[in-house]
Amino acid sequence: MEKDTVHQDGKTPEALAITDHKVLVANRGEIAMRIMRACHGLGIPFTALYTAEDSASCHCDLARELGGEHCLYRVSSYHDANEIMSVADASECTAVHPGYGFFAEDFRFARRVTKRDRKMIFIGPSWKIIRELGDKINTKRLARSLGVPTVPGSDRPIYDEAEAEHIAKSIFEFQESQGITHPLVLVKASAGGGGMGIEEVYDPDQFRSVYRRIRNYALRQFKDEGVLIEQRIKDFNHLEVQIISDRSGKHPVHFGTRNCSIQSTGRQKRIEVAPGFAPETLDYSFDAAKVLTNIVEYSLTMATKVGYDNVGTWEWIVTRAGEPFLMEVNTRIQVENGVSGCIAHVAGRGSVDLIAEQIRLGLGEEIGYTQAEIATEGVGLEYRIIAEDPANNFIPWVGKIERFHWKDQPWLTMLTHVPTDRPYEIPTEFDPNLALAIIWGKNLEETKERGKIFLDSIVLEGQNASGEALRSNIEFLKTNTDQILHF
């Protein structure tokens, strides 16, 4: 029989005032720093983690500055759940914030946090929601039941060849009806992952042989010959809808849309913009304002249906014909949350820190405002500054940063764990993300001009063990700034 954790004042974690909580920041780098600052602003103490490889990171400096030396614990890995729980117990934390990556969308970890003998609060959606929406097939089925458009194709594994051929035929015909001159069908092992067991079919006459090949591969590799058949969409924009709700799951609101279409060759985001289109400034071949309205309404419909109870992002494909299709739901805070926050205001509260909202709602506070009280102003832009070589397939660069600085501006927010007062060796154990730059302007043109001013001000220098100069994506960001929100 499980026993409730009782705080020293006799209350369970769910019954505490938010300032009586203590949050374990189970992450690193800039997201750890943003969580620490949000906790500090809310008057909530925290405990932070670091590894030997991360000892020079500024998230360690900030932890000491805001929480004192005692709040910082060294662990062997951010992936070790047992070690994280041990730190939580030793530091008497009542809640865990996973940030993004690592355990952020691991429903088993979230369940463990809330179900163990010394229960804590997982700052994110409830584990059942993470499990439900983390299953892409289940999410697709739920969306279709609510009339939410998804990528055409099967919403369950297909085992029958005749049924598979019928689905493929309907997908080819659908694409032709949309004026797509080179339709594609994607055939993939339903039990696969990481790009394994996927083939594209260009010719309907070739479908049967591809289907059989993938089915046999799936049986050999995954012991499950189920196959998914979907439309392959190539020419699209990647949009997102930012949703938040309190623990009741009854009051979801949105903080608008983002466009994340400027990406690396590996489909990794590099520039994010809010809102997702600019119909008042740019010409589109479809009603862009209507598309934005529709994807927001669809996202809220799903959030309401499942009782979504924290921060989440609904990710969308929008085709050149203006057709939106739901891709997936990310049940966590995202890297680019700040670009939505920088254009948002809540009546009587001012600008919005979505991480602070996530924390206070995760700890049980009511949302306290309605959709009508949320307003947006201007255009927000986020650059991901990364040590990589865009000319060589965006391969990560490894070495020492010797100089890193930029010109501060009132319209610029710079988020980085990289020191600016000393050299910094980029840890090879993690992604070489160096900083996020968030820029605000009153309209698209002003935001783009400010973005270029910022990029021109950056000094980022260093060398690797062979004496070769540091490589970064700054020129890639400059080149693509003028393409923002164009389709």
Protein backbone atom coordinates (compact mmCIF):
# COMPACT_ATOMS: atom_id res chain seq x y z
CA MET A 1 0.00 0.00 0.00
CA GLU A 2 1.36 3.40 -0.97
CA LYS A 3 1.74 6.03 1.65
CA ASP A 4 1.43 9.75 1.05
CA THR A 5 4.50 11.88 1.51
CA VAL A 6 3.89 14.31 4.36
CA HIS A 7 5.78 17.58 4.48
CA GLN A 8 7.16 18.83 7.78
CA ASP A 9 4.10 21.08 8.23
CA GLY A 10 1.77 18.10 7.79
CA LYS A 11 0.79 18.72 4.17
CA THR A 12 1.24 16.55 1.10
CA PRO A 13 3.23 18.06 -1.82
CA GLU A 14 0.02 18.86 -3.73
CA ALA A 15 -1.32 20.88 -0.78
CA LEU A 16 1.72 23.11 -0.28
CA ALA A 17 1.87 26.76 -1.28
CA ILE A 18 4.26 27.10 -4.21
CA THR A 19 6.84 28.96 -2.10
CA ASP A 20 6.94 25.99 0.30
CA HIS A 21 8.17 23.77 -2.51
CA LYS A 22 11.71 23.04 -3.54
CA VAL A 23 12.38 22.19 -7.19
CA LEU A 24 15.03 19.82 -8.49
CA VAL A 25 16.30 21.21 -11.80
CA ALA A 26 17.03 17.93 -13.62
CA ASN A 27 18.77 19.41 -16.64
CA ARG A 28 21.74 21.48 -17.79
CA GLY A 29 22.77 24.52 -19.82
CA GLU A 30 20.51 27.39 -20.74
CA ILE A 31 17.26 25.57 -19.91
CA ALA A 32 18.55 24.87 -16.39
CA MET A 33 19.39 28.56 -16.08
CA ARG A 34 15.92 29.61 -17.21
CA ILE A 35 14.30 27.23 -14.71
CA MET A 36 16.51 28.57 -11.91
CA ARG A 37 15.66 32.19 -12.75
CA ALA A 38 11.96 31.36 -12.93
CA CYS A 39 12.08 29.61 -9.54
CA HIS A 40 13.99 32.53 -8.05
CA GLY A 41 11.44 34.99 -9.41
CA LEU A 42 8.60 32.96 -7.90
CA GLY A 43 10.37 32.73 -4.54
CA ILE A 44 10.88 28.96 -4.83
CA PRO A 45 14.20 27.39 -3.72
CA PHE A 46 15.83 24.90 -6.04
CA THR A 47 18.54 22.27 -6.32
CA ALA A 48 20.70 22.06 -9.46
CA LEU A 49 22.77 19.30 -11.03
CA TYR A 50 26.02 19.19 -12.96
CA THR A 51 28.43 16.58 -14.28
CA ALA A 52 32.22 16.64 -14.42
CA GLU A 53 32.05 17.55 -18.11
CA ASP A 54 29.75 20.47 -17.31
CA SER A 55 31.67 21.97 -14.40
CA ALA A 56 32.64 25.05 -16.46
CA SER A 57 29.06 25.72 -17.59
CA CYS A 58 27.47 28.98 -16.49
CA HIS A 59 24.48 27.10 -15.15
CA CYS A 60 26.76 26.10 -12.28
CA ASP A 61 27.73 29.74 -11.70
CA LEU A 62 24.09 30.83 -11.68
CA ALA A 63 23.10 28.08 -9.26
CA ARG A 64 25.72 29.27 -6.78
CA GLU A 65 24.70 32.89 -7.29
CA LEU A 66 20.98 32.36 -6.75
CA GLY A 67 20.96 29.35 -4.44
CA GLY A 68 24.35 29.14 -2.79
CA GLU A 69 26.99 26.42 -2.99
CA HIS A 70 24.78 23.94 -1.12
CA CYS A 71 22.18 23.87 -3.91
CA LEU A 72 24.55 22.35 -6.50
CA TYR A 73 25.02 18.57 -6.66
CA ARG A 74 27.42 16.68 -8.90
CA VAL A 75 26.06 13.57 -10.65
CA SER A 76 27.68 11.11 -13.02
CA SER A 77 24.97 11.49 -15.67
CA TYR A 78 21.82 13.48 -16.37
CA HIS A 79 20.36 10.20 -17.66
CA ASP A 80 20.62 8.32 -14.36
CA ALA A 81 17.16 8.34 -12.78
CA ASN A 82 18.35 6.64 -9.59
CA GLU A 83 20.98 9.29 -9.03
CA ILE A 84 18.49 12.07 -9.69
CA MET A 85 16.08 10.61 -7.14
CA SER A 86 18.89 10.31 -4.60
CA VAL A 87 19.73 13.99 -5.02
CA ALA A 88 16.05 14.90 -4.69
CA ASP A 89 15.84 13.01 -1.41
CA ALA A 90 19.12 14.36 -0.04
CA SER A 91 18.10 17.95 -0.81
CA GLU A 92 14.47 17.46 0.29
CA CYS A 93 13.00 18.54 -3.03
CA THR A 94 9.24 18.30 -3.43
CA ALA A 95 9.14 18.64 -7.23
CA VAL A 96 11.21 17.79 -10.30
CA HIS A 97 11.50 19.95 -13.42
CA PRO A 98 12.94 17.92 -16.32
CA GLY A 99 13.45 20.81 -18.75
CA TYR A 100 13.53 19.45 -22.29
CA GLY A 101 15.29 16.33 -23.54
CA PHE A 102 16.52 13.73 -21.04
CA PHE A 103 13.44 12.68 -19.00
CA ALA A 104 11.02 15.42 -20.15
CA GLU A 105 8.76 13.10 -22.18
CA ASP A 106 9.44 9.85 -20.35
CA PHE A 107 6.12 8.85 -18.80
CA ARG A 108 7.82 6.14 -16.74
CA PHE A 109 10.09 8.71 -15.10
CA ALA A 110 7.14 11.06 -14.50
CA ARG A 111 5.15 8.21 -12.99
CA ARG A 112 8.06 7.23 -10.77
CA VAL A 113 8.38 10.80 -9.46
CA THR A 114 4.72 10.88 -8.44
CA LYS A 115 4.24 7.26 -7.29
CA ARG A 116 7.36 6.53 -5.23
CA ASP A 117 7.19 6.27 -1.41
CA ARG A 118 8.45 9.84 -1.03
CA LYS A 119 6.16 11.34 -3.63
CA MET A 120 7.05 14.48 -5.51
CA ILE A 121 5.43 16.57 -8.23
CA PHE A 122 6.53 16.20 -11.83
CA ILE A 123 6.52 19.67 -13.42
CA GLY A 124 5.03 18.78 -16.75
CA PRO A 125 1.85 17.06 -17.85
CA SER A 126 0.65 14.09 -15.82
CA TRP A 127 2.32 10.81 -16.74
CA LYS A 128 -0.89 9.39 -18.21
CA ILE A 129 -1.13 12.28 -20.67
CA ILE A 130 2.55 11.94 -21.60
CA ARG A 131 1.92 8.25 -22.29
CA GLU A 132 -1.27 8.89 -24.26
CA LEU A 133 0.07 11.67 -26.48
CA GLY A 134 3.58 10.28 -26.73
CA ASP A 135 2.20 7.41 -28.81
CA LYS A 136 2.01 8.89 -32.32
CA ILE A 137 -0.47 6.29 -33.55
CA ASN A 138 -2.73 6.92 -30.56
CA THR A 139 -2.44 10.70 -31.06
CA LYS A 140 -3.37 10.35 -34.72
CA ARG A 141 -6.39 8.21 -33.85
CA LEU A 142 -7.52 10.69 -31.18
CA ALA A 143 -7.11 13.61 -33.57
CA ARG A 144 -9.19 11.93 -36.25
CA SER A 145 -11.95 11.13 -33.78
CA LEU A 146 -12.21 14.88 -33.11
CA GLY A 147 -12.11 15.93 -36.75
CA VAL A 148 -8.54 17.22 -36.45
CA PRO A 149 -6.68 16.76 -39.77
CA THR A 150 -3.70 14.43 -39.74
CA VAL A 151 -1.28 13.27 -42.43
CA PRO A 152 -3.35 11.07 -44.77
CA GLY A 153 -2.75 7.38 -44.21
CA SER A 154 -3.29 4.62 -41.68
CA ASP A 155 -3.78 5.30 -37.98
CA ARG A 156 -2.96 1.71 -37.01
CA PRO A 157 -0.53 -0.98 -38.15
CA ILE A 158 -1.64 -2.70 -41.37
CA TYR A 159 -1.09 -6.45 -41.70
CA ASP A 160 -3.26 -7.20 -44.75
CA GLU A 161 -1.72 -6.61 -48.18
CA ALA A 162 -5.02 -5.86 -49.94
CA GLU A 163 -5.94 -3.27 -47.31
CA ALA A 164 -2.47 -1.75 -47.59
CA GLU A 165 -2.83 -1.41 -51.37
CA HIS A 166 -6.24 0.22 -50.97
CA ILE A 167 -4.84 2.80 -48.52
CA ALA A 168 -1.86 3.54 -50.77
CA LYS A 169 -4.14 4.00 -53.81
CA SER A 170 -6.31 6.49 -51.91
CA ILE A 171 -3.23 8.46 -50.80
CA PHE A 172 -1.88 8.70 -54.36
CA GLU A 173 -5.31 9.88 -55.57
CA PHE A 174 -5.56 12.45 -52.77
CA GLN A 175 -2.21 13.98 -53.68
CA GLU A 176 -3.14 14.14 -57.37
CA SER A 177 -6.36 15.94 -56.43
CA GLN A 178 -4.22 18.54 -54.64
CA GLY A 179 -2.18 19.17 -57.77
CA ILE A 180 0.95 17.42 -56.48
CA THR A 181 2.87 16.43 -59.62
CA HIS A 182 5.13 13.85 -57.98
CA PRO A 183 3.08 12.12 -55.27
CA LEU A 184 4.85 10.01 -52.69
CA VAL A 185 3.73 7.35 -50.25
CA LEU A 186 5.75 6.53 -47.14
CA VAL A 187 5.85 2.89 -46.03
CA LYS A 188 7.32 2.29 -42.58
CA ALA A 189 7.52 -0.39 -39.92
CA SER A 190 5.07 0.54 -37.18
CA ALA A 191 7.35 -0.88 -34.49
CA GLY A 192 10.43 0.88 -35.86
CA GLY A 193 12.12 4.09 -34.83
CA GLY A 194 15.11 6.29 -35.55
CA GLY A 195 14.48 6.15 -39.30
CA MET A 196 14.69 2.34 -39.46
CA GLY A 197 12.38 0.43 -41.80
CA ILE A 198 11.16 3.33 -43.94
CA GLU A 199 10.91 3.58 -47.74
CA GLU A 200 9.32 6.04 -50.16
CA VAL A 201 7.17 4.83 -53.04
CA TYR A 202 6.93 7.02 -56.14
CA ASP A 203 5.09 4.59 -58.41
CA PRO A 204 1.82 2.85 -57.41
CA ASP A 205 2.92 -0.21 -59.37
CA GLN A 206 5.91 -0.57 -57.06
CA PHE A 207 3.91 -0.37 -53.84
CA ARG A 208 3.28 -4.10 -53.39
CA SER A 209 6.96 -5.08 -53.57
CA VAL A 210 7.98 -2.27 -51.16
CA TYR A 211 5.20 -3.19 -48.75
CA ARG A 212 6.35 -6.82 -48.68
CA ARG A 213 9.97 -5.81 -48.18
CA ILE A 214 9.17 -3.52 -45.23
CA ARG A 215 6.81 -6.09 -43.70
CA ASN A 216 9.50 -8.78 -43.82
CA TYR A 217 12.12 -6.37 -42.46
CA ALA A 218 9.80 -5.41 -39.60
CA LEU A 219 9.20 -9.04 -38.73
CA ARG A 220 12.93 -9.81 -38.65
CA GLN A 221 14.00 -6.68 -36.76
CA PHE A 222 11.05 -5.97 -34.45
CA LYS A 223 9.10 -9.26 -34.34
CA ASP A 224 6.06 -7.33 -35.57
CA GLU A 225 5.21 -7.15 -39.28
CA GLY A 226 2.76 -4.26 -38.90
CA VAL A 227 3.27 -1.47 -41.45
CA LEU A 228 2.10 2.15 -41.53
CA ILE A 229 1.25 3.83 -44.83
CA GLU A 230 1.22 7.63 -45.03
CA GLN A 231 1.47 10.47 -47.48
CA ARG A 232 5.03 11.76 -47.82
CA ILE A 233 4.88 15.54 -47.57
CA LYS A 234 8.01 17.37 -48.72
CA ASP A 235 7.05 20.97 -49.48
CA PHE A 236 5.67 22.32 -46.22
CA ASN A 237 6.08 24.81 -43.41
CA HIS A 238 6.52 23.57 -39.84
CA LEU A 239 4.20 25.42 -37.44
CA GLU A 240 3.51 25.05 -33.74
CA VAL A 241 0.77 26.04 -31.31
CA GLN A 242 1.76 26.83 -27.71
CA ILE A 243 -0.78 25.55 -25.17
CA ILE A 244 -0.85 25.82 -21.38
CA SER A 245 -3.38 24.70 -18.79
CA ASP A 246 -3.62 24.21 -15.05
CA ARG A 247 -3.95 20.91 -13.20
CA SER A 248 -7.73 20.88 -13.60
CA GLY A 249 -7.23 20.29 -17.33
CA LYS A 250 -10.33 22.41 -17.92
CA HIS A 251 -8.82 25.77 -18.80
CA PRO A 252 -6.40 25.41 -21.73
CA VAL A 253 -5.32 28.65 -23.36
CA HIS A 254 -2.93 29.29 -26.21
CA PHE A 255 -0.05 31.71 -26.64
CA GLY A 256 -0.23 31.81 -30.41
CA THR A 257 1.75 30.12 -33.13
CA ARG A 258 5.39 29.72 -34.19
CA ASN A 259 7.04 28.97 -37.51
CA CYS A 260 10.07 26.66 -37.29
CA SER A 261 10.62 25.99 -41.00
CA ILE A 262 14.23 27.13 -41.29
CA GLN A 263 16.09 23.98 -40.34
CA SER A 264 19.29 22.05 -40.91
CA THR A 265 19.52 19.30 -43.50
CA GLY A 266 18.64 16.89 -40.69
CA ARG A 267 15.37 18.72 -39.97
CA GLN A 268 16.75 20.33 -36.80
CA LYS A 269 15.34 23.77 -36.06
CA ARG A 270 17.64 26.75 -36.45
CA ILE A 271 15.31 29.79 -36.59
CA GLU A 272 11.90 30.15 -34.95
CA VAL A 273 9.43 33.01 -35.45
CA ALA A 274 6.22 34.01 -33.70
CA PRO A 275 3.54 34.31 -34.97
CA GLY A 276 3.64 31.50 -37.52
CA PHE A 277 2.72 33.50 -40.64
CA ALA A 278 2.57 37.22 -41.49
CA PRO A 279 -0.54 37.61 -43.71
CA GLU A 280 -0.65 41.35 -43.08
CA THR A 281 2.83 41.71 -44.58
CA LEU A 282 3.48 38.80 -46.96
CA ASP A 283 1.43 37.25 -49.75
CA TYR A 284 0.55 33.57 -49.48
CA SER A 285 -1.21 31.32 -51.96
CA PHE A 286 -3.77 30.46 -49.26
CA ASP A 287 -5.63 32.19 -46.44
CA ALA A 288 -2.80 32.18 -43.90
CA ALA A 289 -4.81 33.92 -41.19
CA LYS A 290 -7.49 31.22 -41.43
CA VAL A 291 -4.86 28.47 -41.22
CA LEU A 292 -3.45 29.99 -38.02
CA THR A 293 -6.93 30.22 -36.51
CA ASN A 294 -7.75 26.66 -37.49
CA ILE A 295 -4.64 25.03 -36.06
CA VAL A 296 -5.11 26.89 -32.78
CA GLU A 297 -8.73 25.75 -32.52
CA TYR A 298 -7.83 22.17 -33.40
CA SER A 299 -5.06 22.15 -30.79
CA LEU A 300 -7.33 23.51 -28.06
CA THR A 301 -9.97 20.92 -28.96
CA MET A 302 -7.50 18.09 -28.36
CA ALA A 303 -6.11 19.67 -25.20
CA THR A 304 -9.61 19.98 -23.76
CA LYS A 305 -10.54 16.41 -24.71
CA VAL A 306 -7.55 14.83 -22.92
CA GLY A 307 -7.61 17.23 -19.95
CA TYR A 308 -4.14 18.54 -20.76
CA ASP A 309 -2.69 19.92 -17.52
CA ASN A 310 0.56 21.81 -18.14
CA VAL A 311 2.64 23.23 -20.99
CA GLY A 312 2.57 21.53 -24.39
CA THR A 313 3.11 22.14 -28.09
CA TRP A 314 0.99 20.91 -30.97
CA GLU A 315 3.20 20.54 -34.06
CA TRP A 316 1.76 21.02 -37.55
CA ILE A 317 2.66 20.61 -41.20
CA VAL A 318 1.13 23.21 -43.52
CA THR A 319 1.37 22.38 -47.21
CA ARG A 320 1.81 24.89 -50.03
CA ALA A 321 -1.91 24.50 -50.71
CA GLY A 322 -2.63 25.69 -47.16
CA GLU A 323 -3.65 22.26 -45.83
CA PRO A 324 -2.73 21.76 -42.14
CA PHE A 325 -1.90 18.30 -40.81
CA LEU A 326 -1.11 17.51 -37.17
CA MET A 327 2.30 15.85 -36.83
CA GLU A 328 2.59 15.23 -33.08
CA VAL A 329 2.21 16.67 -29.61
CA ASN A 330 5.31 17.56 -27.55
CA THR A 331 4.39 17.09 -23.90
CA ARG A 332 7.07 19.39 -22.50
CA ILE A 333 8.46 22.91 -22.56
CA GLN A 334 10.30 23.55 -25.82
CA VAL A 335 13.56 25.31 -26.59
CA GLU A 336 11.67 28.03 -28.45
CA ASN A 337 9.13 28.87 -25.74
CA GLY A 338 10.78 32.27 -25.24
CA VAL A 339 9.96 33.47 -28.76
CA SER A 340 6.24 33.03 -27.96
CA GLY A 341 6.66 34.61 -24.54
CA CYS A 342 8.37 37.71 -25.95
CA ILE A 343 5.29 38.76 -27.95
CA ALA A 344 2.69 37.77 -25.32
CA HIS A 345 1.12 39.86 -22.56
CA VAL A 346 -1.49 39.01 -19.95
CA ALA A 347 -3.78 41.82 -18.81
CA GLY A 348 -2.66 43.14 -15.44
CA ARG A 349 0.48 40.95 -15.40
CA GLY A 350 2.65 42.22 -18.23
CA SER A 351 4.97 40.04 -20.31
CA VAL A 352 4.95 36.27 -20.01
CA ASP A 353 7.63 33.83 -18.87
CA LEU A 354 6.22 30.49 -20.01
CA ILE A 355 8.64 28.54 -17.84
CA ALA A 356 7.48 30.42 -14.75
CA GLU A 357 3.90 29.70 -15.80
CA GLN A 358 4.76 26.04 -16.23
CA ILE A 359 6.23 25.87 -12.74
CA ARG A 360 3.43 27.62 -10.88
CA LEU A 361 0.74 25.65 -12.73
CA GLY A 362 2.67 22.41 -12.26
CA LEU A 363 2.78 23.08 -8.51
CA GLY A 364 -1.00 23.45 -8.42
CA GLU A 365 -1.91 27.09 -8.89
CA GLU A 366 -4.93 27.96 -11.04
CA ILE A 367 -4.24 29.63 -14.34
CA GLY A 368 -5.87 32.87 -13.16
CA TYR A 369 -6.68 34.41 -16.56
CA THR A 370 -8.68 33.66 -19.67
CA GLN A 371 -7.87 33.63 -23.36
CA ALA A 372 -9.48 37.05 -23.70
CA GLU A 373 -6.85 38.49 -21.34
CA ILE A 374 -3.93 37.26 -23.47
CA ALA A 375 -2.71 39.61 -26.19
CA THR A 376 0.21 39.48 -28.60
CA GLU A 377 2.23 42.35 -30.00
CA GLY A 378 4.95 42.47 -32.63
CA VAL A 379 7.09 39.69 -34.07
CA GLY A 380 9.54 37.51 -32.15
CA LEU A 381 12.57 35.80 -33.65
CA GLU A 382 14.85 33.18 -32.13
CA TYR A 383 18.27 32.18 -33.48
CA ARG A 384 19.91 28.96 -32.30
CA ILE A 385 23.65 29.65 -32.26
CA ILE A 386 25.51 26.38 -32.67
CA ALA A 387 29.10 25.23 -33.12
CA GLU A 388 28.61 23.36 -36.39
CA ASP A 389 29.59 23.48 -40.05
CA PRO A 390 26.53 24.11 -42.27
CA ALA A 391 28.70 23.69 -45.39
CA ASN A 392 29.56 20.14 -44.28
CA ASN A 393 26.11 18.73 -43.51
CA PHE A 394 25.94 20.68 -40.22
CA ILE A 395 28.54 18.44 -38.60
CA PRO A 396 29.25 19.51 -34.97
CA TRP A 397 32.48 21.42 -34.30
CA VAL A 398 34.53 20.44 -31.26
CA GLY A 399 37.11 22.67 -29.65
CA LYS A 400 37.71 25.62 -27.34
CA ILE A 401 35.83 28.93 -27.49
CA GLU A 402 38.28 31.74 -26.76
CA ARG A 403 36.11 34.83 -27.34
CA PHE A 404 32.34 35.13 -27.20
CA HIS A 405 30.50 38.42 -26.87
CA TRP A 406 27.85 40.57 -28.55
CA LYS A 407 26.32 44.02 -28.27
CA ASP A 408 23.47 44.21 -25.77
CA GLN A 409 20.24 45.76 -27.03
CA PRO A 410 16.92 46.56 -25.33
CA TRP A 411 15.14 44.33 -27.86
CA LEU A 412 17.52 41.37 -27.37
CA THR A 413 17.44 38.51 -24.86
CA MET A 414 20.53 36.30 -24.94
CA LEU A 415 20.33 32.90 -23.27
CA THR A 416 23.60 31.02 -22.95
CA HIS A 417 25.51 28.76 -20.59
CA VAL A 418 28.79 29.61 -22.34
CA PRO A 419 31.08 31.89 -20.31
CA THR A 420 32.01 35.25 -21.84
CA ASP A 421 34.80 36.03 -19.35
CA ARG A 422 36.99 32.95 -19.88
CA PRO A 423 37.76 30.26 -22.46
CA TYR A 424 35.31 27.38 -22.67
CA GLU A 425 35.91 23.85 -23.93
CA ILE A 426 32.76 22.54 -25.62
CA PRO A 427 31.85 19.22 -23.98
CA THR A 428 31.71 16.43 -26.56
CA GLU A 429 29.10 14.58 -24.50
CA PHE A 430 26.32 17.04 -25.42
CA ASP A 431 24.93 18.87 -28.44
CA PRO A 432 27.13 21.86 -29.38
CA ASN A 433 24.35 24.40 -28.78
CA LEU A 434 25.93 27.62 -27.57
CA ALA A 435 23.15 30.17 -27.19
CA LEU A 436 19.64 31.30 -28.01
CA ALA A 437 19.09 34.85 -29.16
CA ILE A 438 15.52 36.15 -28.89
CA ILE A 439 14.74 39.38 -30.75
CA TRP A 440 11.57 41.45 -30.71
CA GLY A 441 10.36 44.02 -33.21
CA LYS A 442 7.08 45.82 -33.75
CA ASN A 443 6.70 44.20 -37.18
CA LEU A 444 8.41 41.62 -39.38
CA GLU A 445 10.74 44.03 -41.15
CA GLU A 446 11.97 45.63 -37.94
CA THR A 447 12.54 42.22 -36.38
CA LYS A 448 14.58 41.04 -39.37
CA GLU A 449 16.69 44.21 -39.37
CA ARG A 450 17.35 43.86 -35.66
CA GLY A 451 18.26 40.22 -36.21
CA LYS A 452 20.91 41.21 -38.74
CA ILE A 453 22.26 43.89 -36.43
CA PHE A 454 22.61 41.32 -33.67
CA LEU A 455 24.32 38.73 -35.87
CA ASP A 456 26.77 41.33 -37.13
CA SER A 457 27.69 42.19 -33.53
CA ILE A 458 28.62 38.66 -32.46
CA VAL A 459 32.26 37.82 -31.85
CA LEU A 460 32.67 34.04 -31.65
CA GLU A 461 36.23 32.75 -31.97
CA GLY A 462 38.14 29.64 -31.00
CA GLN A 463 40.10 26.70 -32.31
CA ASN A 464 40.19 22.93 -32.11
CA ALA A 465 43.07 20.63 -31.15
CA SER A 466 44.48 20.89 -34.69
CA GLY A 467 44.51 24.69 -34.59
CA GLU A 468 41.58 25.03 -37.01
CA ALA A 469 39.27 27.98 -36.50
CA LEU A 470 35.90 27.59 -34.83
CA ARG A 471 32.99 26.92 -37.15
CA SER A 472 29.46 28.10 -36.39
CA ASN A 473 26.11 28.60 -38.10
CA ILE A 474 26.10 32.40 -37.83
CA GLU A 475 26.47 32.95 -41.58
CA PHE A 476 23.70 30.40 -42.20
CA LEU A 477 21.45 32.42 -39.87
CA LYS A 478 22.32 35.66 -41.68
CA THR A 479 21.64 34.15 -45.09
CA ASN A 480 18.24 32.84 -44.05
CA THR A 481 16.99 35.87 -42.13
CA ASP A 482 15.38 37.43 -45.21
CA GLN A 483 13.44 34.19 -45.85
CA ILE A 484 11.65 34.26 -42.52
CA LEU A 485 7.92 33.48 -42.84
CA HIS A 486 8.08 33.26 -46.63
CA PHE A 487 6.52 30.16 -48.16
